[in-house]
Amino acid sequence: MTPTFASMLLFPTLEHHRIYVGPYGRAVAPAELQIPSLPVYQLDGLEIGWRHFTEEDFTDTLTEDSDIGDWEPAGSESPVSIRLYLDDDGTVALDQLQLGSKFLGVSVRRPLGDMFDLSVLGGQWESTVVAVDTGRFQLRTIVPSELTLLGFSNTDFDDDTKLKYYISAGSGVGGEVLGRVLGPLGVYGRIIGKARTFNRHQGGVENQVRHELHAEAEAGLAAFGRQQAFWLSGWGELTSQYETRDAAGKNGIDRQYAAWGIRFNARLHPAEPAALRDRDDDGEEDGPIQL
C-alpha cells in the first residue's frame, strides 16, 4: 500500500491491539432467565480482555482507482479475557477465563458447567470475511468459529475430577463498525450470534451432548487519534444450553447465562512509517494528528 492511499483510510494499518476493562453484572439459572426483570444496574464484577489482530490477517486489495479498501483475510484473532465477581460471601470468585487460538485454548466457565476445558487439536477464533474502510468508517463481517478434534474437560456433571475427552464444532455470523461522525468523535457497534455442539466421551457412560446458542451486542461512543481509538460502550450477552443428560434427553433450555456491563476500550495501532505520518489526506506534508 502506498502512502497516498494509506492516508485515505481510517487507520494507517490494520494491525492493532484491542484492550478493554470495565464492571459487569451476571445472572445464571437452570432454566430460562426472566430477561426483562434482570437487575442490569447491579455491576458487581470486573472484566478485563485483550485481542490482537495482525497485519497478516488481511490481504489488501486497495487499487489506485479506489477510495475504499476491501480485505479478505485468512487469519484470526487471539482473545484473552477474565471475569471476576463477588460471591454471596463477599469473596472474589472466578466467573470465566478464556485463552483462545486456532490450535490451543483454555477455558473455565463455571456458571455454564465448564470447570476446566483444554482444547489441544483445535480451538476458537474469529475470522473477518470482508472488511471495508471508507476513511471515516471501518466495517467488517465476522465469522466466529470453533473446531476441536481433541479436547479434555471437567464439567459439573462429573463425580470425579478426572478429565474426559471431547470433540466440538460451532460457527456463527456477526458484524462490527467503528467510525468517525464529527471530527475526532465517532461510534462503535458489534453484534454476534453463534451455535456450538459439544460431544463428551466417557467410558461406560452415555456420551454427554451439549448444544449451545450464544448472542452478544455492544454499542458505544468513540474518540479517535491517527493511530488509536478509545470508546466507552455498553454490552450484553446471553448463552443458552440444551443438554441431553440421559438416554431420553431433555427438551427445552437446561441453563441460561446472561451478562451485561460497561467497557472502556482502547484500540492501539503500531507506529506508522514517517512517510505516512508526515502526509495529510491530500498528500501534503503535515504533522501527526493528536487525539
Protein backbone atom coordinates (compact mmCIF):
# COMPACT_ATOMS: atom_id res chain seq x y z
CA MET A 1 0.00 0.00 0.00
CA THR A 2 1.42 3.41 -0.96
CA PRO A 3 1.49 6.35 1.50
CA THR A 4 -1.10 8.29 -0.54
CA PHE A 5 -3.68 5.51 -0.42
CA ALA A 6 -2.95 4.60 3.18
CA SER A 7 -3.73 8.19 4.20
CA MET A 8 -7.29 7.70 2.90
CA LEU A 9 -8.02 5.03 5.48
CA LEU A 10 -9.37 5.34 9.00
CA PHE A 11 -6.08 3.91 10.33
CA PRO A 12 -2.70 3.59 8.56
CA THR A 13 -2.55 -0.18 9.18
CA LEU A 14 -4.96 -2.95 10.04
CA GLU A 15 -2.73 -4.45 12.70
CA HIS A 16 -3.89 -3.46 16.18
CA HIS A 17 -4.43 -4.45 19.78
CA ARG A 18 -7.78 -4.07 21.49
CA ILE A 19 -7.74 -3.78 25.28
CA TYR A 20 -10.88 -3.42 27.39
CA VAL A 21 -11.82 -3.28 31.06
CA GLY A 22 -14.97 -2.49 32.99
CA PRO A 23 -17.59 -3.51 35.56
CA TYR A 24 -20.25 -6.06 34.71
CA GLY A 25 -23.20 -7.96 36.17
CA ARG A 26 -24.33 -11.55 35.69
CA ALA A 27 -27.23 -13.92 36.18
CA VAL A 28 -27.47 -17.70 35.73
CA ALA A 29 -30.36 -20.14 36.11
CA PRO A 30 -31.01 -23.87 35.49
CA ALA A 31 -33.86 -22.83 33.17
CA GLU A 32 -34.88 -19.78 31.15
CA LEU A 33 -34.00 -16.44 32.71
CA GLN A 34 -36.61 -13.73 33.06
CA ILE A 35 -34.75 -11.24 30.88
CA PRO A 36 -36.96 -8.14 31.49
CA SER A 37 -36.54 -8.46 35.27
CA LEU A 38 -32.73 -8.77 35.33
CA PRO A 39 -31.06 -6.20 37.65
CA VAL A 40 -28.99 -4.56 34.93
CA TYR A 41 -27.98 -1.75 37.30
CA GLN A 42 -26.06 -4.20 39.52
CA LEU A 43 -22.43 -4.34 38.37
CA ASP A 44 -20.55 -6.34 41.00
CA GLY A 45 -17.88 -7.91 38.76
CA LEU A 46 -14.81 -6.86 36.81
CA GLU A 47 -13.97 -7.86 33.24
CA ILE A 48 -10.55 -7.50 31.57
CA GLY A 49 -9.77 -8.52 27.98
CA TRP A 50 -7.27 -8.28 25.13
CA ARG A 51 -7.42 -9.16 21.42
CA HIS A 52 -4.73 -8.94 18.77
CA PHE A 53 -5.17 -8.54 15.02
CA THR A 54 -2.02 -8.99 12.92
CA GLU A 55 -1.32 -7.47 9.50
CA GLU A 56 -1.11 -10.99 8.06
CA ASP A 57 -4.79 -11.46 8.90
CA PHE A 58 -5.72 -9.27 5.92
CA THR A 59 -4.98 -9.18 2.20
CA ASP A 60 -5.06 -5.60 0.89
CA THR A 61 -6.88 -5.16 -2.43
CA LEU A 62 -6.87 -1.35 -2.49
CA THR A 63 -6.22 -0.11 -6.03
CA GLU A 64 -5.13 3.24 -7.44
CA ASP A 65 -8.70 3.98 -8.55
CA SER A 66 -10.25 3.07 -5.20
CA ASP A 67 -11.11 5.18 -2.21
CA ILE A 68 -12.43 2.13 -0.34
CA GLY A 69 -10.25 -0.75 0.84
CA ASP A 70 -11.59 -4.29 0.74
CA TRP A 71 -9.86 -7.16 2.51
CA GLU A 72 -10.38 -10.90 2.54
CA PRO A 73 -8.31 -12.10 5.50
CA ALA A 74 -7.23 -15.68 6.15
CA GLY A 75 -6.25 -15.05 9.76
CA SER A 76 -7.89 -14.80 13.15
CA GLU A 77 -7.65 -13.05 16.46
CA SER A 78 -6.30 -14.41 19.75
CA PRO A 79 -8.69 -13.45 22.56
CA VAL A 80 -7.82 -13.36 26.24
CA SER A 81 -10.47 -12.46 28.81
CA ILE A 82 -11.18 -12.89 32.51
CA ARG A 83 -14.26 -12.13 34.57
CA LEU A 84 -14.20 -11.89 38.37
CA TYR A 85 -17.14 -11.21 40.68
CA LEU A 86 -18.08 -11.01 44.36
CA ASP A 87 -19.97 -14.08 45.60
CA ASP A 88 -22.59 -14.11 48.35
CA ASP A 89 -19.85 -14.16 51.00
CA GLY A 90 -18.16 -11.11 49.54
CA THR A 91 -15.22 -13.17 48.25
CA VAL A 92 -13.68 -12.59 44.84
CA ALA A 93 -14.57 -15.59 42.62
CA LEU A 94 -13.71 -16.61 39.06
CA ASP A 95 -16.64 -16.38 36.67
CA GLN A 96 -14.92 -17.02 33.31
CA LEU A 97 -11.42 -17.37 31.89
CA GLN A 98 -10.76 -17.59 28.13
CA LEU A 99 -7.39 -18.07 26.41
CA GLY A 100 -8.06 -18.83 22.78
CA SER A 101 -6.39 -19.55 19.46
CA LYS A 102 -6.90 -21.76 16.41
CA PHE A 103 -4.77 -24.58 17.77
CA LEU A 104 -4.83 -24.43 21.57
CA GLY A 105 -7.22 -22.98 24.10
CA VAL A 106 -8.01 -22.94 27.81
CA SER A 107 -11.46 -22.14 29.12
CA VAL A 108 -13.14 -22.00 32.53
CA ARG A 109 -16.86 -21.16 32.58
CA ARG A 110 -18.14 -22.32 35.96
CA PRO A 111 -21.68 -20.85 35.64
CA LEU A 112 -22.06 -22.87 32.42
CA GLY A 113 -20.69 -26.08 33.92
CA ASP A 114 -17.18 -25.97 32.45
CA MET A 115 -14.91 -26.33 35.47
CA PHE A 116 -11.88 -26.71 33.19
CA ASP A 117 -11.54 -27.12 29.42
CA LEU A 118 -8.38 -27.66 27.40
CA SER A 119 -8.55 -27.88 23.59
CA VAL A 120 -5.37 -29.42 22.16
CA LEU A 121 -6.21 -30.02 18.50
CA GLY A 122 -8.33 -27.04 17.59
CA GLY A 123 -9.90 -24.12 19.41
CA GLN A 124 -11.97 -20.97 18.96
CA TRP A 125 -11.29 -17.97 16.72
CA GLU A 126 -12.96 -15.17 14.79
CA SER A 127 -12.31 -14.58 11.10
CA THR A 128 -13.05 -11.40 9.18
CA VAL A 129 -14.70 -12.32 5.88
CA VAL A 130 -14.80 -8.80 4.40
CA ALA A 131 -13.50 -5.52 5.81
CA VAL A 132 -14.29 -2.14 4.27
CA ASP A 133 -12.53 1.11 5.17
CA THR A 134 -14.08 4.28 3.75
CA GLY A 135 -11.71 6.65 5.51
CA ARG A 136 -14.41 7.59 8.00
CA PHE A 137 -15.84 4.16 8.84
CA GLN A 138 -14.32 0.72 9.10
CA LEU A 139 -16.76 -2.18 8.84
CA ARG A 140 -16.12 -5.93 8.94
CA THR A 141 -18.23 -9.05 8.75
CA ILE A 142 -17.23 -11.64 11.34
CA VAL A 143 -17.48 -15.43 11.40
CA PRO A 144 -16.86 -16.82 14.91
CA SER A 145 -15.77 -20.45 14.58
CA GLU A 146 -14.85 -23.44 16.69
CA LEU A 147 -13.45 -26.84 15.80
CA THR A 148 -11.84 -29.07 18.41
CA LEU A 149 -10.81 -32.55 17.32
CA LEU A 150 -9.30 -33.39 20.70
CA GLY A 151 -10.14 -31.65 23.94
CA PHE A 152 -10.17 -32.52 27.62
CA SER A 153 -12.69 -31.18 30.10
CA ASN A 154 -14.19 -31.49 33.54
CA THR A 155 -17.80 -30.40 33.99
CA ASP A 156 -20.26 -30.08 36.85
CA PHE A 157 -21.78 -33.45 35.88
CA ASP A 158 -18.64 -35.35 36.89
CA ASP A 159 -18.49 -37.34 40.10
CA ASP A 160 -14.69 -37.16 39.97
CA THR A 161 -12.07 -34.63 38.93
CA LYS A 162 -10.67 -36.63 36.00
CA LEU A 163 -10.61 -35.00 32.58
CA LYS A 164 -12.68 -36.66 29.83
CA TYR A 165 -12.04 -36.13 26.14
CA TYR A 166 -14.48 -34.42 23.77
CA ILE A 167 -14.96 -33.06 20.27
CA SER A 168 -16.82 -29.85 19.43
CA ALA A 169 -17.79 -27.68 16.48
CA GLY A 170 -19.51 -24.35 16.07
CA SER A 171 -19.93 -21.30 13.89
CA GLY A 172 -21.89 -18.10 13.59
CA VAL A 173 -22.04 -14.67 11.99
CA GLY A 174 -21.77 -11.05 13.05
CA GLY A 175 -20.54 -7.58 12.25
CA GLU A 176 -18.57 -4.67 13.66
CA VAL A 177 -18.39 -0.97 12.81
CA LEU A 178 -16.06 1.76 14.06
CA GLY A 179 -16.06 5.23 12.57
CA ARG A 180 -15.82 8.99 12.84
CA VAL A 181 -19.00 11.06 12.88
CA LEU A 182 -17.90 14.57 13.85
CA GLY A 183 -14.22 15.48 13.96
CA PRO A 184 -12.43 13.10 16.33
CA LEU A 185 -15.73 11.78 17.73
CA GLY A 186 -17.45 8.65 16.46
CA VAL A 187 -19.31 5.46 17.22
CA TYR A 188 -18.68 1.74 17.75
CA GLY A 189 -21.05 -1.21 17.33
CA ARG A 190 -20.76 -5.00 17.33
CA ILE A 191 -23.25 -7.88 17.16
CA ILE A 192 -22.53 -11.64 17.12
CA GLY A 193 -24.57 -14.85 17.04
CA LYS A 194 -23.08 -18.36 17.36
CA ALA A 195 -24.15 -22.01 17.73
CA ARG A 196 -21.98 -24.78 19.22
CA THR A 197 -22.26 -28.56 19.73
CA PHE A 198 -20.13 -30.41 22.26
CA ASN A 199 -19.85 -34.23 22.44
CA ARG A 200 -18.08 -35.57 25.51
CA HIS A 201 -16.98 -39.21 25.76
CA GLN A 202 -16.88 -41.16 29.00
CA GLY A 203 -16.04 -44.84 29.27
CA GLY A 204 -19.07 -46.92 30.22
CA VAL A 205 -21.35 -43.88 30.33
CA GLU A 206 -23.74 -42.35 27.81
CA ASN A 207 -22.00 -39.56 25.91
CA GLN A 208 -22.81 -36.10 27.17
CA VAL A 209 -24.06 -33.92 24.30
CA ARG A 210 -24.46 -30.20 24.83
CA HIS A 211 -25.89 -27.70 22.35
CA GLU A 212 -25.26 -24.02 22.98
CA LEU A 213 -26.54 -20.77 21.50
CA HIS A 214 -24.72 -17.51 22.18
CA ALA A 215 -25.62 -13.92 21.26
CA GLU A 216 -23.91 -10.65 22.15
CA ALA A 217 -24.24 -6.96 21.30
CA GLU A 218 -22.20 -3.85 22.11
CA ALA A 219 -22.53 -0.14 21.28
CA GLY A 220 -20.64 2.96 22.33
CA LEU A 221 -19.17 6.41 21.64
CA ALA A 222 -15.59 6.74 20.39
CA ALA A 223 -12.75 9.28 20.18
CA PHE A 224 -10.02 8.97 17.52
CA GLY A 225 -6.36 9.74 17.02
CA ARG A 226 -4.28 8.79 13.99
CA GLN A 227 -3.03 5.54 15.50
CA GLN A 228 -5.59 4.85 18.21
CA ALA A 229 -9.22 4.98 19.13
CA PHE A 230 -10.92 4.91 22.52
CA TRP A 231 -14.55 4.20 23.23
CA LEU A 232 -16.94 3.73 26.13
CA SER A 233 -19.60 1.11 25.42
CA GLY A 234 -22.46 -0.78 26.95
CA TRP A 235 -22.77 -4.51 26.19
CA GLY A 236 -24.86 -7.57 26.88
CA GLU A 237 -24.77 -11.27 26.09
CA LEU A 238 -26.95 -14.35 26.54
CA THR A 239 -25.88 -18.01 26.40
CA SER A 240 -28.43 -20.85 26.35
CA GLN A 241 -27.62 -24.55 26.78
CA TYR A 242 -29.64 -27.53 25.62
CA GLU A 243 -28.26 -30.79 27.01
CA THR A 244 -29.01 -34.48 26.63
CA ARG A 245 -28.13 -35.65 30.11
CA ASP A 246 -29.53 -39.16 29.74
CA ALA A 247 -30.59 -41.59 27.02
CA ALA A 248 -34.02 -39.97 26.71
CA GLY A 249 -32.62 -36.44 26.62
CA LYS A 250 -34.39 -33.31 27.80
CA ASN A 251 -36.48 -30.79 25.96
CA GLY A 252 -36.03 -27.04 26.17
CA ILE A 253 -33.38 -24.91 27.83
CA ASP A 254 -31.39 -26.55 30.61
CA ARG A 255 -29.39 -23.49 31.60
CA GLN A 256 -29.00 -19.81 30.71
CA TYR A 257 -26.26 -17.33 31.49
CA ALA A 258 -26.66 -13.59 30.97
CA ALA A 259 -24.03 -10.88 31.44
CA TRP A 260 -24.05 -7.12 30.90
CA GLY A 261 -21.79 -4.20 31.68
CA ILE A 262 -19.74 -1.17 30.66
CA ARG A 263 -16.39 -1.32 28.86
CA PHE A 264 -13.61 1.19 28.40
CA ASN A 265 -11.91 0.14 25.15
CA ALA A 266 -8.58 1.12 23.60
CA ARG A 267 -7.63 0.20 20.01
CA LEU A 268 -3.88 0.73 19.56
CA HIS A 269 -2.04 0.55 16.23
CA PRO A 270 1.74 0.24 15.79
CA ALA A 271 3.76 3.34 14.93
CA GLU A 272 3.26 4.31 11.30
CA PRO A 273 6.17 4.94 8.91
CA ALA A 274 7.43 8.53 8.76
CA ALA A 275 6.31 8.81 5.11
CA LEU A 276 2.73 8.27 6.21
CA ARG A 277 2.95 10.33 9.38
CA ASP A 278 4.07 13.46 7.51
CA ARG A 279 1.26 13.46 4.93
CA ASP A 280 -2.32 14.57 5.29
CA ASP A 281 -5.26 13.24 3.25
CA ASP A 282 -4.29 15.49 0.33
CA GLY A 283 -0.72 14.15 0.20
CA GLU A 284 0.69 17.39 1.67
CA GLU A 285 3.28 17.48 4.43
CA ASP A 286 1.63 17.58 7.84
CA GLY A 287 2.33 16.59 11.41
CA PRO A 288 0.68 13.71 13.23
CA ILE A 289 -2.93 14.13 14.24
CA GLN A 290 -3.23 14.20 18.02
CA LEU A 291 -6.25 12.98 19.95
